[in-house]
Amino acid sequence: MNKEEVTLVELLPKIYHHINVAVSKAFMLALEQFKKDNAQKSSYADEDFLSAKQAASFLKLKLNTIYSKAEKGELPFYRSGKRKLLFSKKELEQHVLKRKVKSLEELKEEVEQYSRKKK
């Protein structure tokens, strides 16, 4: 056996080390990419998007009513692909608040304020 001949037993630790280094590098690269992807998505973290079904549940309406209102422009929505609709939870909350029906007490107060301004 020559000095240049190396046995498999001698090579195994070196092979293991090279594989370990390669896997560690690949893992670190994948982890960095994952962090970058999630950092970009976190800009939407404040914005909760609901599916049409979730929006129907949130507004306590039937799913068909959600689609109808979206089609008529009565509900704000976003498209995800050609057919899927997404609804911003914040925008749905604002939509509901805009549609508040004032109580008689609130209406009387407004009339009084209006009549005071007229004088």
Protein backbone atom coordinates (compact mmCIF):
# COMPACT_ATOMS: atom_id res chain seq x y z
CA MET A 1 0.00 0.00 0.00
CA ASN A 2 1.40 3.40 -1.04
CA LYS A 3 1.50 6.40 1.21
CA GLU A 4 -0.75 8.11 -1.36
CA GLU A 5 -3.45 5.48 -1.01
CA VAL A 6 -6.08 6.51 1.51
CA THR A 7 -8.50 4.06 3.04
CA LEU A 8 -12.22 4.63 3.24
CA VAL A 9 -12.02 4.69 7.03
CA GLU A 10 -9.64 7.65 6.80
CA LEU A 11 -11.88 9.44 4.28
CA LEU A 12 -15.19 9.08 6.11
CA PRO A 13 -14.55 11.84 8.71
CA LYS A 14 -13.52 14.25 5.94
CA ILE A 15 -16.57 13.37 3.84
CA TYR A 16 -18.81 13.80 6.87
CA HIS A 17 -17.25 17.20 7.59
CA HIS A 18 -17.77 18.41 4.00
CA ILE A 19 -21.39 17.22 3.97
CA ASN A 20 -22.00 18.86 7.35
CA VAL A 21 -20.56 22.18 6.13
CA ALA A 22 -22.63 22.06 2.92
CA VAL A 23 -25.87 21.27 4.77
CA SER A 24 -25.19 23.99 7.34
CA LYS A 25 -24.59 26.57 4.60
CA ALA A 26 -27.74 25.52 2.75
CA PHE A 27 -29.75 25.71 5.97
CA MET A 28 -28.41 29.19 6.80
CA LEU A 29 -29.21 30.44 3.29
CA ALA A 30 -32.72 29.01 3.49
CA LEU A 31 -33.21 30.58 6.92
CA GLU A 32 -32.04 33.99 5.65
CA GLN A 33 -34.40 33.75 2.68
CA PHE A 34 -37.26 32.79 4.98
CA LYS A 35 -36.55 35.81 7.20
CA LYS A 36 -36.46 38.12 4.16
CA ASP A 37 -39.74 36.74 2.85
CA ASN A 38 -41.43 37.15 6.22
CA ALA A 39 -40.05 40.67 6.66
CA GLN A 40 -41.72 41.64 3.39
CA LYS A 41 -44.99 40.02 4.45
CA SER A 42 -44.90 41.72 7.84
CA SER A 43 -45.68 45.04 6.14
CA TYR A 44 -49.16 43.57 5.77
CA ALA A 45 -49.27 42.35 9.37
CA ASP A 46 -51.40 45.30 10.45
CA GLU A 47 -53.85 44.52 7.69
CA ASP A 48 -55.96 41.42 8.26
CA PHE A 49 -57.49 40.12 5.05
CA LEU A 50 -60.56 37.93 5.13
CA SER A 51 -61.89 35.52 2.55
CA ALA A 52 -65.44 36.07 1.32
CA LYS A 53 -66.64 33.34 3.68
CA GLN A 54 -64.83 34.95 6.64
CA ALA A 55 -66.20 38.38 5.67
CA ALA A 56 -69.71 36.93 5.58
CA SER A 57 -69.23 35.51 9.05
CA PHE A 58 -67.69 38.76 10.32
CA LEU A 59 -70.58 40.88 8.97
CA LYS A 60 -73.15 38.22 9.81
CA LEU A 61 -74.38 38.10 6.22
CA LYS A 62 -74.91 35.27 3.76
CA LEU A 63 -72.06 34.51 1.38
CA ASN A 64 -74.23 35.36 -1.64
CA THR A 65 -74.97 38.76 -0.08
CA ILE A 66 -71.24 39.44 0.29
CA TYR A 67 -70.65 38.67 -3.39
CA SER A 68 -73.66 40.75 -4.42
CA LYS A 69 -72.59 43.76 -2.35
CA ALA A 70 -69.03 43.50 -3.67
CA GLU A 71 -70.29 43.31 -7.26
CA LYS A 72 -72.49 46.40 -6.72
CA GLY A 73 -69.59 48.32 -5.18
CA GLU A 74 -71.21 48.44 -1.76
CA LEU A 75 -68.30 46.64 -0.07
CA PRO A 76 -64.60 47.38 -0.59
CA PHE A 77 -62.61 44.33 -1.68
CA TYR A 78 -59.39 43.19 -3.32
CA ARG A 79 -58.84 40.51 -5.92
CA SER A 80 -56.47 37.65 -5.30
CA GLY A 81 -56.15 36.05 -8.67
CA LYS A 82 -59.00 36.10 -11.15
CA ARG A 83 -61.84 34.96 -8.94
CA LYS A 84 -60.90 35.04 -5.27
CA LEU A 85 -61.98 38.13 -3.31
CA LEU A 86 -60.27 39.40 -0.19
CA PHE A 87 -61.72 41.88 2.27
CA SER A 88 -59.77 44.14 4.61
CA LYS A 89 -61.07 43.69 8.13
CA LYS A 90 -60.33 47.36 8.90
CA GLU A 91 -62.23 48.54 5.84
CA LEU A 92 -65.20 46.32 6.70
CA GLU A 93 -65.25 47.77 10.22
CA GLN A 94 -65.18 51.31 8.78
CA HIS A 95 -67.97 50.37 6.38
CA VAL A 96 -70.14 49.21 9.27
CA LEU A 97 -69.38 52.35 11.31
CA LYS A 98 -70.38 54.61 8.38
CA ARG A 99 -73.74 52.90 8.19
CA LYS A 100 -74.63 53.63 11.81
CA VAL A 101 -78.27 54.55 12.31
CA LYS A 102 -78.54 57.42 14.78
CA SER A 103 -80.76 57.11 17.81
CA LEU A 104 -83.62 59.50 18.44
CA GLU A 105 -81.55 61.12 21.17
CA GLU A 106 -78.67 61.75 18.75
CA LEU A 107 -81.06 63.16 16.14
CA LYS A 108 -82.65 65.51 18.70
CA GLU A 109 -79.20 66.72 19.73
CA GLU A 110 -78.30 67.43 16.11
CA VAL A 111 -81.56 69.37 15.60
CA GLU A 112 -80.87 71.43 18.72
CA GLN A 113 -77.31 72.20 17.59
CA TYR A 114 -78.54 73.15 14.12
CA SER A 115 -81.25 75.43 15.51
CA ARG A 116 -78.72 77.14 17.84
CA LYS A 117 -76.47 77.87 14.87
CA LYS A 118 -79.38 79.31 12.90
CA LYS A 119 -80.15 81.92 15.61
